[in-house]
Amino acid sequence: TQPKDKLAEKLPWVADFSPATVRFIGIVEFAAALGLIL
């Protein structure tokens, strides 16, 4: 949900990836979190 520039302040590794890839990683992590419980 956050723009890449804002994420780069806390997560310097995002500079190595496109905004779409970072967003995809976030979606995968959220989906896996749901999959661990539901």
Full PDB file with SEQRES, HELIX, SHEET, SSBOND, CRYST1, ORIGX, SCALE, CONECT and MASTER records, all heavy atoms in Angstrom:
SEQRES   1 A   38  THR GLN PRO LYS ASP LYS LEU ALA GLU LYS LEU PRO TRP          
SEQRES   2 A   38  VAL ALA ASP PHE SER PRO ALA THR VAL ARG PHE ILE GLY          
SEQRES   3 A   38  ILE VAL GLU PHE ALA ALA ALA LEU GLY LEU ILE LEU              
HELIX    1 AA1 LYS A    4  LYS A   10  1                                   7    
HELIX    2 AA2 PRO A   12  ASP A   16  5                                   5    
HELIX    3 AA3 PRO A   19  ILE A   37  1                                  19    
CRYST1    1.000    1.000    1.000  90.00  90.00  90.00 P 1           1          
ORIGX1      1.000000  0.000000  0.000000        0.00000                         
ORIGX2      0.000000  1.000000  0.000000        0.00000                         
ORIGX3      0.000000  0.000000  1.000000        0.00000                         
SCALE1      1.000000  0.000000  0.000000        0.00000                         
SCALE2      0.000000  1.000000  0.000000        0.00000                         
SCALE3      0.000000  0.000000  1.000000        0.00000                         
ATOM      1  N   THR A   1       0.793  -1.237   0.000  1.00  0.00           N  
ATOM      2  CA  THR A   1       0.000   0.000   0.000  1.00  0.00           C  
ATOM      3  C   THR A   1       0.823   1.284   0.000  1.00  0.00           C  
ATOM      4  O   THR A   1       0.306   2.331  -0.395  1.00  0.00           O  
ATOM      5  CB  THR A   1      -0.942   0.035   1.225  1.00  0.00           C  
ATOM      6  OG1 THR A   1      -0.166  -0.013   2.424  1.00  0.00           O  
ATOM      7  CG2 THR A   1      -1.934  -1.112   1.184  1.00  0.00           C  
ATOM      8  N   GLN A   2       2.071   1.225   0.444  1.00  0.00           N  
ATOM      9  CA  GLN A   2       2.863   2.452   0.522  1.00  0.00           C  
ATOM     10  C   GLN A   2       3.694   2.631  -0.741  1.00  0.00           C  
ATOM     11  O   GLN A   2       4.139   1.657  -1.352  1.00  0.00           O  
ATOM     12  CB  GLN A   2       3.786   2.421   1.739  1.00  0.00           C  
ATOM     13  CG  GLN A   2       3.033   2.475   3.044  1.00  0.00           C  
ATOM     14  CD  GLN A   2       3.960   2.560   4.233  1.00  0.00           C  
ATOM     15  OE1 GLN A   2       5.163   2.698   4.103  1.00  0.00           O  
ATOM     16  NE2 GLN A   2       3.383   2.470   5.422  1.00  0.00           N  
ATOM     17  N   PRO A   3       3.942   3.877  -1.138  1.00  0.00           N  
ATOM     18  CA  PRO A   3       4.788   4.115  -2.313  1.00  0.00           C  
ATOM     19  C   PRO A   3       6.229   3.674  -2.053  1.00  0.00           C  
ATOM     20  O   PRO A   3       6.703   3.664  -0.913  1.00  0.00           O  
ATOM     21  CB  PRO A   3       4.709   5.624  -2.529  1.00  0.00           C  
ATOM     22  CG  PRO A   3       4.035   6.200  -1.345  1.00  0.00           C  
ATOM     23  CD  PRO A   3       3.427   5.099  -0.553  1.00  0.00           C  
ATOM     24  N   LYS A   4       6.886   3.323  -3.130  1.00  0.00           N  
ATOM     25  CA  LYS A   4       8.261   2.822  -3.042  1.00  0.00           C  
ATOM     26  C   LYS A   4       9.189   3.820  -2.359  1.00  0.00           C  
ATOM     27  O   LYS A   4      10.043   3.426  -1.559  1.00  0.00           O  
ATOM     28  CB  LYS A   4       8.772   2.484  -4.445  1.00  0.00           C  
ATOM     29  CG  LYS A   4      10.159   1.900  -4.461  1.00  0.00           C  
ATOM     30  CD  LYS A   4      10.592   1.557  -5.864  1.00  0.00           C  
ATOM     31  CE  LYS A   4      12.059   1.184  -5.874  1.00  0.00           C  
ATOM     32  NZ  LYS A   4      12.531   0.855  -7.214  1.00  0.00           N  
ATOM     33  N   ASP A   5       9.038   5.104  -2.638  1.00  0.00           N  
ATOM     34  CA  ASP A   5       9.909   6.116  -2.035  1.00  0.00           C  
ATOM     35  C   ASP A   5       9.796   6.119  -0.511  1.00  0.00           C  
ATOM     36  O   ASP A   5      10.788   6.266   0.200  1.00  0.00           O  
ATOM     37  CB  ASP A   5       9.586   7.504  -2.584  1.00  0.00           C  
ATOM     38  CG  ASP A   5       9.876   7.625  -4.066  1.00  0.00           C  
ATOM     39  OD1 ASP A   5      10.708   6.820  -4.561  1.00  0.00           O  
ATOM     40  OD2 ASP A   5       9.286   8.482  -4.725  1.00  0.00           O  
ATOM     41  N   LYS A   6       8.584   5.985  -0.014  1.00  0.00           N  
ATOM     42  CA  LYS A   6       8.385   5.963   1.436  1.00  0.00           C  
ATOM     43  C   LYS A   6       8.948   4.675   2.037  1.00  0.00           C  
ATOM     44  O   LYS A   6       9.523   4.685   3.124  1.00  0.00           O  
ATOM     45  CB  LYS A   6       6.899   6.101   1.766  1.00  0.00           C  
ATOM     46  CG  LYS A   6       6.636   6.237   3.237  1.00  0.00           C  
ATOM     47  CD  LYS A   6       5.193   6.565   3.519  1.00  0.00           C  
ATOM     48  CE  LYS A   6       4.993   6.685   5.017  1.00  0.00           C  
ATOM     49  NZ  LYS A   6       3.617   6.954   5.371  1.00  0.00           N  
ATOM     50  N   LEU A   7       8.783   3.559   1.325  1.00  0.00           N  
ATOM     51  CA  LEU A   7       9.325   2.286   1.811  1.00  0.00           C  
ATOM     52  C   LEU A   7      10.851   2.299   1.853  1.00  0.00           C  
ATOM     53  O   LEU A   7      11.459   1.680   2.724  1.00  0.00           O  
ATOM     54  CB  LEU A   7       8.858   1.132   0.927  1.00  0.00           C  
ATOM     55  CG  LEU A   7       7.413   0.707   1.064  1.00  0.00           C  
ATOM     56  CD1 LEU A   7       7.058  -0.318  -0.011  1.00  0.00           C  
ATOM     57  CD2 LEU A   7       7.148   0.140   2.442  1.00  0.00           C  
ATOM     58  N   ALA A   8      11.467   2.995   0.905  1.00  0.00           N  
ATOM     59  CA  ALA A   8      12.931   3.019   0.811  1.00  0.00           C  
ATOM     60  C   ALA A   8      13.573   3.614   2.062  1.00  0.00           C  
ATOM     61  O   ALA A   8      14.724   3.299   2.372  1.00  0.00           O  
ATOM     62  CB  ALA A   8      13.366   3.791  -0.426  1.00  0.00           C  
ATOM     63  N   GLU A   9      12.838   4.459   2.791  1.00  0.00           N  
ATOM     64  CA  GLU A   9      13.373   5.027   4.025  1.00  0.00           C  
ATOM     65  C   GLU A   9      13.602   3.947   5.081  1.00  0.00           C  
ATOM     66  O   GLU A   9      14.564   4.001   5.836  1.00  0.00           O  
ATOM     67  CB  GLU A   9      12.407   6.078   4.575  1.00  0.00           C  
ATOM     68  CG  GLU A   9      12.201   7.262   3.665  1.00  0.00           C  
ATOM     69  CD  GLU A   9      11.057   8.149   4.108  1.00  0.00           C  
ATOM     70  OE1 GLU A   9      10.517   7.933   5.214  1.00  0.00           O  
ATOM     71  OE2 GLU A   9      10.688   9.061   3.345  1.00  0.00           O  
ATOM     72  N   LYS A  10      12.698   2.963   5.133  1.00  0.00           N  
ATOM     73  CA  LYS A  10      12.792   1.889   6.123  1.00  0.00           C  
ATOM     74  C   LYS A  10      13.408   0.624   5.564  1.00  0.00           C  
ATOM     75  O   LYS A  10      14.031  -0.143   6.299  1.00  0.00           O  
ATOM     76  CB  LYS A  10      11.399   1.541   6.647  1.00  0.00           C  
ATOM     77  CG  LYS A  10      10.683   2.660   7.337  1.00  0.00           C  
ATOM     78  CD  LYS A  10       9.280   2.230   7.720  1.00  0.00           C  
ATOM     79  CE  LYS A  10       8.475   3.399   8.214  1.00  0.00           C  
ATOM     80  NZ  LYS A  10       7.081   3.052   8.445  1.00  0.00           N  
ATOM     81  N   LEU A  11      13.202   0.392   4.278  1.00  0.00           N  
ATOM     82  CA  LEU A  11      13.650  -0.843   3.637  1.00  0.00           C  
ATOM     83  C   LEU A  11      14.527  -0.502   2.436  1.00  0.00           C  
ATOM     84  O   LEU A  11      14.044  -0.397   1.308  1.00  0.00           O  
ATOM     85  CB  LEU A  11      12.431  -1.665   3.172  1.00  0.00           C  
ATOM     86  CG  LEU A  11      11.357  -1.951   4.219  1.00  0.00           C  
ATOM     87  CD1 LEU A  11      10.117  -2.530   3.567  1.00  0.00           C  
ATOM     88  CD2 LEU A  11      11.900  -2.884   5.283  1.00  0.00           C  
ATOM     89  N   PRO A  12      15.833  -0.349   2.647  1.00  0.00           N  
ATOM     90  CA  PRO A  12      16.698   0.094   1.549  1.00  0.00           C  
ATOM     91  C   PRO A  12      16.751  -0.864   0.363  1.00  0.00           C  
ATOM     92  O   PRO A  12      17.047  -0.456  -0.758  1.00  0.00           O  
ATOM     93  CB  PRO A  12      18.076   0.239   2.194  1.00  0.00           C  
ATOM     94  CG  PRO A  12      17.968  -0.244   3.579  1.00  0.00           C  
ATOM     95  CD  PRO A  12      16.541  -0.477   3.901  1.00  0.00           C  
ATOM     96  N   TRP A  13      16.418  -2.134   0.583  1.00  0.00           N  
ATOM     97  CA  TRP A  13      16.474  -3.110  -0.501  1.00  0.00           C  
ATOM     98  C   TRP A  13      15.470  -2.829  -1.609  1.00  0.00           C  
ATOM     99  O   TRP A  13      15.649  -3.303  -2.741  1.00  0.00           O  
ATOM    100  CB  TRP A  13      16.273  -4.532   0.019  1.00  0.00           C  
ATOM    101  CG  TRP A  13      14.952  -4.757   0.695  1.00  0.00           C  
ATOM    102  CD1 TRP A  13      14.687  -4.665   2.024  1.00  0.00           C  
ATOM    103  CD2 TRP A  13      13.711  -5.096   0.060  1.00  0.00           C  
ATOM    104  NE1 TRP A  13      13.363  -4.913   2.272  1.00  0.00           N  
ATOM    105  CE2 TRP A  13      12.738  -5.188   1.081  1.00  0.00           C  
ATOM    106  CE3 TRP A  13      13.327  -5.326  -1.241  1.00  0.00           C  
ATOM    107  CZ2 TRP A  13      11.414  -5.505   0.820  1.00  0.00           C  
ATOM    108  CZ3 TRP A  13      12.009  -5.641  -1.502  1.00  0.00           C  
ATOM    109  CH2 TRP A  13      11.067  -5.735  -0.475  1.00  0.00           C  
ATOM    110  N   VAL A  14      14.418  -2.050  -1.334  1.00  0.00           N  
ATOM    111  CA  VAL A  14      13.411  -1.800  -2.368  1.00  0.00           C  
ATOM    112  C   VAL A  14      13.991  -1.027  -3.550  1.00  0.00           C  
ATOM    113  O   VAL A  14      13.419  -1.062  -4.640  1.00  0.00           O  
ATOM    114  CB  VAL A  14      12.147  -1.095  -1.822  1.00  0.00           C  
ATOM    115  CG1 VAL A  14      11.480  -1.908  -0.750  1.00  0.00           C  
ATOM    116  CG2 VAL A  14      12.444   0.298  -1.344  1.00  0.00           C  
ATOM    117  N   ALA A  15      15.114  -0.371  -3.349  1.00  0.00           N  
ATOM    118  CA  ALA A  15      15.755   0.353  -4.451  1.00  0.00           C  
ATOM    119  C   ALA A  15      16.173  -0.590  -5.574  1.00  0.00           C  
ATOM    120  O   ALA A  15      16.282  -0.166  -6.727  1.00  0.00           O  
ATOM    121  CB  ALA A  15      16.960   1.127  -3.941  1.00  0.00           C  
ATOM    122  N   ASP A  16      16.388  -1.873  -5.247  1.00  0.00           N  
ATOM    123  CA  ASP A  16      16.825  -2.852  -6.242  1.00  0.00           C  
ATOM    124  C   ASP A  16      15.676  -3.437  -7.052  1.00  0.00           C  
ATOM    125  O   ASP A  16      15.908  -4.224  -7.966  1.00  0.00           O  
ATOM    126  CB  ASP A  16      17.566  -4.003  -5.559  1.00  0.00           C  
ATOM    127  CG  ASP A  16      18.849  -3.551  -4.882  1.00  0.00           C  
ATOM    128  OD1 ASP A  16      19.294  -2.414  -5.141  1.00  0.00           O  
ATOM    129  OD2 ASP A  16      19.410  -4.339  -4.099  1.00  0.00           O  
ATOM    130  N   PHE A  17      14.424  -3.097  -6.715  1.00  0.00           N  
ATOM    131  CA  PHE A  17      13.273  -3.716  -7.349  1.00  0.00           C  
ATOM    132  C   PHE A  17      12.302  -2.659  -7.861  1.00  0.00           C  
ATOM    133  O   PHE A  17      12.252  -1.543  -7.349  1.00  0.00           O  
ATOM    134  CB  PHE A  17      12.540  -4.633  -6.351  1.00  0.00           C  
ATOM    135  CG  PHE A  17      13.372  -5.791  -5.887  1.00  0.00           C  
ATOM    136  CD1 PHE A  17      14.124  -5.701  -4.726  1.00  0.00           C  
ATOM    137  CD2 PHE A  17      13.427  -6.960  -6.620  1.00  0.00           C  
ATOM    138  CE1 PHE A  17      14.902  -6.754  -4.299  1.00  0.00           C  
ATOM    139  CE2 PHE A  17      14.204  -8.023  -6.206  1.00  0.00           C  
ATOM    140  CZ  PHE A  17      14.943  -7.932  -5.043  1.00  0.00           C  
ATOM    141  N   SER A  18      11.509  -3.046  -8.841  1.00  0.00           N  
ATOM    142  CA  SER A  18      10.488  -2.140  -9.368  1.00  0.00           C  
ATOM    143  C   SER A  18       9.348  -2.010  -8.359  1.00  0.00           C  
ATOM    144  O   SER A  18       9.154  -2.890  -7.510  1.00  0.00           O  
ATOM    145  CB  SER A  18       9.943  -2.683 -10.692  1.00  0.00           C  
ATOM    146  OG  SER A  18       9.146  -3.830 -10.448  1.00  0.00           O  
ATOM    147  N   PRO A  19       8.580  -0.932  -8.454  1.00  0.00           N  
ATOM    148  CA  PRO A  19       7.432  -0.785  -7.553  1.00  0.00           C  
ATOM    149  C   PRO A  19       6.446  -1.961  -7.661  1.00  0.00           C  
ATOM    150  O   PRO A  19       5.884  -2.396  -6.659  1.00  0.00           O  
ATOM    151  CB  PRO A  19       6.769   0.522  -8.000  1.00  0.00           C  
ATOM    152  CG  PRO A  19       7.877   1.290  -8.644  1.00  0.00           C  
ATOM    153  CD  PRO A  19       8.772   0.262  -9.276  1.00  0.00           C  
ATOM    154  N   ALA A  20       6.261  -2.470  -8.858  1.00  0.00           N  
ATOM    155  CA  ALA A  20       5.347  -3.605  -9.048  1.00  0.00           C  
ATOM    156  C   ALA A  20       5.854  -4.853  -8.332  1.00  0.00           C  
ATOM    157  O   ALA A  20       5.063  -5.596  -7.738  1.00  0.00           O  
ATOM    158  CB  ALA A  20       5.160  -3.890 -10.531  1.00  0.00           C  
ATOM    159  N   THR A  21       7.154  -5.068  -8.357  1.00  0.00           N  
ATOM    160  CA  THR A  21       7.726  -6.236  -7.675  1.00  0.00           C  
ATOM    161  C   THR A  21       7.581  -6.102  -6.167  1.00  0.00           C  
ATOM    162  O   THR A  21       7.225  -7.062  -5.483  1.00  0.00           O  
ATOM    163  CB  THR A  21       9.208  -6.413  -8.061  1.00  0.00           C  
ATOM    164  OG1 THR A  21       9.293  -6.577  -9.481  1.00  0.00           O  
ATOM    165  CG2 THR A  21       9.818  -7.619  -7.381  1.00  0.00           C  
ATOM    166  N   VAL A  22       7.838  -4.920  -5.653  1.00  0.00           N  
ATOM    167  CA  VAL A  22       7.691  -4.694  -4.207  1.00  0.00           C  
ATOM    168  C   VAL A  22       6.237  -4.900  -3.797  1.00  0.00           C  
ATOM    169  O   VAL A  22       5.944  -5.555  -2.788  1.00  0.00           O  
ATOM    170  CB  VAL A  22       8.180  -3.279  -3.814  1.00  0.00           C  
ATOM    171  CG1 VAL A  22       7.897  -2.989  -2.352  1.00  0.00           C  
ATOM    172  CG2 VAL A  22       9.672  -3.133  -4.113  1.00  0.00           C  
ATOM    173  N   ARG A  23       5.310  -4.395  -4.590  1.00  0.00           N  
ATOM    174  CA  ARG A  23       3.883  -4.573  -4.300  1.00  0.00           C  
ATOM    175  C   ARG A  23       3.508  -6.057  -4.366  1.00  0.00           C  
ATOM    176  O   ARG A  23       2.769  -6.562  -3.524  1.00  0.00           O  
ATOM    177  CB  ARG A  23       3.050  -3.755  -5.288  1.00  0.00           C  
ATOM    178  CG  ARG A  23       1.566  -3.860  -4.991  1.00  0.00           C  
ATOM    179  CD  ARG A  23       0.767  -2.721  -5.565  1.00  0.00           C  
ATOM    180  NE  ARG A  23       0.999  -1.552  -4.723  1.00  0.00           N  
ATOM    181  CZ  ARG A  23       1.362  -0.360  -5.172  1.00  0.00           C  
ATOM    182  NH1 ARG A  23       1.518  -0.162  -6.447  1.00  0.00           N  
ATOM    183  NH2 ARG A  23       1.560   0.641  -4.345  1.00  0.00           N  
ATOM    184  N   PHE A  24       4.047  -6.767  -5.358  1.00  0.00           N  
ATOM    185  CA  PHE A  24       3.785  -8.208  -5.483  1.00  0.00           C  
ATOM    186  C   PHE A  24       4.295  -8.964  -4.256  1.00  0.00           C  
ATOM    187  O   PHE A  24       3.607  -9.849  -3.743  1.00  0.00           O  
ATOM    188  CB  PHE A  24       4.429  -8.756  -6.761  1.00  0.00           C  
ATOM    189  CG  PHE A  24       4.284 -10.241  -6.922  1.00  0.00           C  
ATOM    190  CD1 PHE A  24       3.059 -10.787  -7.262  1.00  0.00           C  
ATOM    191  CD2 PHE A  24       5.361 -11.083  -6.717  1.00  0.00           C  
ATOM    192  CE1 PHE A  24       2.912 -12.164  -7.404  1.00  0.00           C  
ATOM    193  CE2 PHE A  24       5.228 -12.456  -6.846  1.00  0.00           C  
ATOM    194  CZ  PHE A  24       3.998 -12.993  -7.196  1.00  0.00           C  
ATOM    195  N   ILE A  25       5.480  -8.628  -3.785  1.00  0.00           N  
ATOM    196  CA  ILE A  25       6.031  -9.261  -2.575  1.00  0.00           C  
ATOM    197  C   ILE A  25       5.093  -9.023  -1.401  1.00  0.00           C  
ATOM    198  O   ILE A  25       4.816  -9.933  -0.622  1.00  0.00           O  
ATOM    199  CB  ILE A  25       7.456  -8.734  -2.283  1.00  0.00           C  
ATOM    200  CG1 ILE A  25       8.434  -9.218  -3.355  1.00  0.00           C  
ATOM    201  CG2 ILE A  25       7.929  -9.171  -0.892  1.00  0.00           C  
ATOM    202  CD1 ILE A  25       9.787  -8.532  -3.327  1.00  0.00           C  
ATOM    203  N   GLY A  26       4.588  -7.808  -1.272  1.00  0.00           N  
ATOM    204  CA  GLY A  26       3.652  -7.500  -0.201  1.00  0.00           C  
ATOM    205  C   GLY A  26       2.373  -8.308  -0.291  1.00  0.00           C  
ATOM    206  O   GLY A  26       1.865  -8.822   0.718  1.00  0.00           O  
ATOM    207  N   ILE A  27       1.843  -8.451  -1.491  1.00  0.00           N  
ATOM    208  CA  ILE A  27       0.618  -9.229  -1.676  1.00  0.00           C  
ATOM    209  C   ILE A  27       0.857 -10.694  -1.351  1.00  0.00           C  
ATOM    210  O   ILE A  27       0.025 -11.343  -0.702  1.00  0.00           O  
ATOM    211  CB  ILE A  27       0.080  -9.037  -3.110  1.00  0.00           C  
ATOM    212  CG1 ILE A  27      -0.420  -7.605  -3.281  1.00  0.00           C  
ATOM    213  CG2 ILE A  27      -1.019 -10.046  -3.433  1.00  0.00           C  
ATOM    214  CD1 ILE A  27      -0.691  -7.208  -4.717  1.00  0.00           C  
ATOM    215  N   VAL A  28       1.997 -11.220  -1.764  1.00  0.00           N  
ATOM    216  CA  VAL A  28       2.347 -12.618  -1.464  1.00  0.00           C  
ATOM    217  C   VAL A  28       2.456 -12.816   0.045  1.00  0.00           C  
ATOM    218  O   VAL A  28       1.941 -13.800   0.595  1.00  0.00           O  
ATOM    219  CB  VAL A  28       3.655 -13.024  -2.184  1.00  0.00           C  
ATOM    220  CG1 VAL A  28       4.213 -14.319  -1.631  1.00  0.00           C  
ATOM    221  CG2 VAL A  28       3.421 -13.127  -3.680  1.00  0.00           C  
ATOM    222  N   GLU A  29       3.107 -11.894   0.726  1.00  0.00           N  
ATOM    223  CA  GLU A  29       3.250 -12.009   2.177  1.00  0.00           C  
ATOM    224  C   GLU A  29       1.891 -11.947   2.876  1.00  0.00           C  
ATOM    225  O   GLU A  29       1.626 -12.726   3.801  1.00  0.00           O  
ATOM    226  CB  GLU A  29       4.177 -10.915   2.715  1.00  0.00           C  
ATOM    227  CG  GLU A  29       5.620 -11.126   2.334  1.00  0.00           C  
ATOM    228  CD  GLU A  29       6.538 -10.021   2.801  1.00  0.00           C  
ATOM    229  OE1 GLU A  29       6.054  -8.937   3.189  1.00  0.00           O  
ATOM    230  OE2 GLU A  29       7.766 -10.231   2.779  1.00  0.00           O  
ATOM    231  N   PHE A  30       1.012 -11.058   2.436  1.00  0.00           N  
ATOM    232  CA  PHE A  30      -0.302 -10.954   3.051  1.00  0.00           C  
ATOM    233  C   PHE A  30      -1.132 -12.213   2.790  1.00  0.00           C  
ATOM    234  O   PHE A  30      -1.796 -12.727   3.693  1.00  0.00           O  
ATOM    235  CB  PHE A  30      -1.042  -9.711   2.554  1.00  0.00           C  
ATOM    236  CG  PHE A  30      -2.352  -9.498   3.243  1.00  0.00           C  
ATOM    237  CD1 PHE A  30      -2.387  -9.015   4.540  1.00  0.00           C  
ATOM    238  CD2 PHE A  30      -3.541  -9.804   2.619  1.00  0.00           C  
ATOM    239  CE1 PHE A  30      -3.594  -8.833   5.203  1.00  0.00           C  
ATOM    240  CE2 PHE A  30      -4.749  -9.624   3.265  1.00  0.00           C  
ATOM    241  CZ  PHE A  30      -4.786  -9.141   4.560  1.00  0.00           C  
ATOM    242  N   ALA A  31      -1.093 -12.704   1.564  1.00  0.00           N  
ATOM    243  CA  ALA A  31      -1.836 -13.926   1.233  1.00  0.00           C  
ATOM    244  C   ALA A  31      -1.326 -15.118   2.043  1.00  0.00           C  
ATOM    245  O   ALA A  31      -2.118 -15.935   2.530  1.00  0.00           O  
ATOM    246  CB  ALA A  31      -1.732 -14.216  -0.265  1.00  0.00           C  
ATOM    247  N   ALA A  32      -0.022 -15.207   2.208  1.00  0.00           N  
ATOM    248  CA  ALA A  32       0.549 -16.300   3.002  1.00  0.00           C  
ATOM    249  C   ALA A  32       0.142 -16.175   4.467  1.00  0.00           C  
ATOM    250  O   ALA A  32      -0.120 -17.184   5.132  1.00  0.00           O  
ATOM    251  CB  ALA A  32       2.065 -16.311   2.866  1.00  0.00           C  
ATOM    252  N   ALA A  33       0.061 -14.950   4.964  1.00  0.00           N  
ATOM    253  CA  ALA A  33      -0.382 -14.746   6.351  1.00  0.00           C  
ATOM    254  C   ALA A  33      -1.802 -15.272   6.533  1.00  0.00           C  
ATOM    255  O   ALA A  33      -2.098 -15.952   7.524  1.00  0.00           O  
ATOM    256  CB  ALA A  33      -0.315 -13.256   6.711  1.00  0.00           C  
ATOM    257  N   LEU A  34      -2.666 -14.975   5.587  1.00  0.00           N  
ATOM    258  CA  LEU A  34      -4.027 -15.523   5.638  1.00  0.00           C  
ATOM    259  C   LEU A  34      -4.002 -17.043   5.550  1.00  0.00           C  
ATOM    260  O   LEU A  34      -4.747 -17.730   6.256  1.00  0.00           O  
ATOM    261  CB  LEU A  34      -4.880 -14.941   4.509  1.00  0.00           C  
ATOM    262  CG  LEU A  34      -5.183 -13.448   4.561  1.00  0.00           C  
ATOM    263  CD1 LEU A  34      -5.971 -13.021   3.327  1.00  0.00           C  
ATOM    264  CD2 LEU A  34      -5.929 -13.092   5.834  1.00  0.00           C  
ATOM    265  N   GLY A  35      -3.134 -17.563   4.687  1.00  0.00           N  
ATOM    266  CA  GLY A  35      -3.030 -19.004   4.497  1.00  0.00           C  
ATOM    267  C   GLY A  35      -2.499 -19.745   5.709  1.00  0.00           C  
ATOM    268  O   GLY A  35      -2.769 -20.943   5.877  1.00  0.00           O  
ATOM    269  N   LEU A  36      -1.757 -19.061   6.543  1.00  0.00           N  
ATOM    270  CA  LEU A  36      -1.255 -19.707   7.762  1.00  0.00           C  
ATOM    271  C   LEU A  36      -2.362 -19.960   8.774  1.00  0.00           C  
ATOM    272  O   LEU A  36      -2.254 -20.867   9.595  1.00  0.00           O  
ATOM    273  CB  LEU A  36      -0.177 -18.834   8.417  1.00  0.00           C  
ATOM    274  CG  LEU A  36       1.192 -18.838   7.786  1.00  0.00           C  
ATOM    275  CD1 LEU A  36       2.086 -17.804   8.458  1.00  0.00           C  
ATOM    276  CD2 LEU A  36       1.828 -20.208   7.842  1.00  0.00           C  
ATOM    277  N   ILE A  37      -3.403 -19.150   8.741  1.00  0.00           N  
ATOM    278  CA  ILE A  37      -4.440 -19.223   9.768  1.00  0.00           C  
ATOM    279  C   ILE A  37      -5.777 -19.751   9.244  1.00  0.00           C  
ATOM    280  O   ILE A  37      -6.346 -20.699   9.801  1.00  0.00           O  
ATOM    281  CB  ILE A  37      -4.661 -17.828  10.404  1.00  0.00           C  
ATOM    282  CG1 ILE A  37      -3.370 -17.316  11.037  1.00  0.00           C  
ATOM    283  CG2 ILE A  37      -5.797 -17.862  11.416  1.00  0.00           C  
ATOM    284  CD1 ILE A  37      -2.859 -18.134  12.202  1.00  0.00           C  
ATOM    285  N   LEU A  38      -6.306 -19.131   8.205  1.00  0.00           N  
ATOM    286  CA  LEU A  38      -7.685 -19.401   7.804  1.00  0.00           C  
ATOM    287  C   LEU A  38      -7.984 -20.848   7.414  1.00  0.00           C  
ATOM    288  O   LEU A  38      -8.986 -21.395   7.886  1.00  0.00           O  
ATOM    289  CB  LEU A  38      -8.103 -18.443   6.687  1.00  0.00           C  
ATOM    290  CG  LEU A  38      -8.227 -16.984   7.103  1.00  0.00           C  
ATOM    291  CD1 LEU A  38      -8.640 -16.121   5.920  1.00  0.00           C  
ATOM    292  CD2 LEU A  38      -9.209 -16.832   8.243  1.00  0.00           C  
TER     293      LEU A  38                                                      
MASTER        0    0    0    3    0    0    0    6  292    1    0    3          
END                                                                             
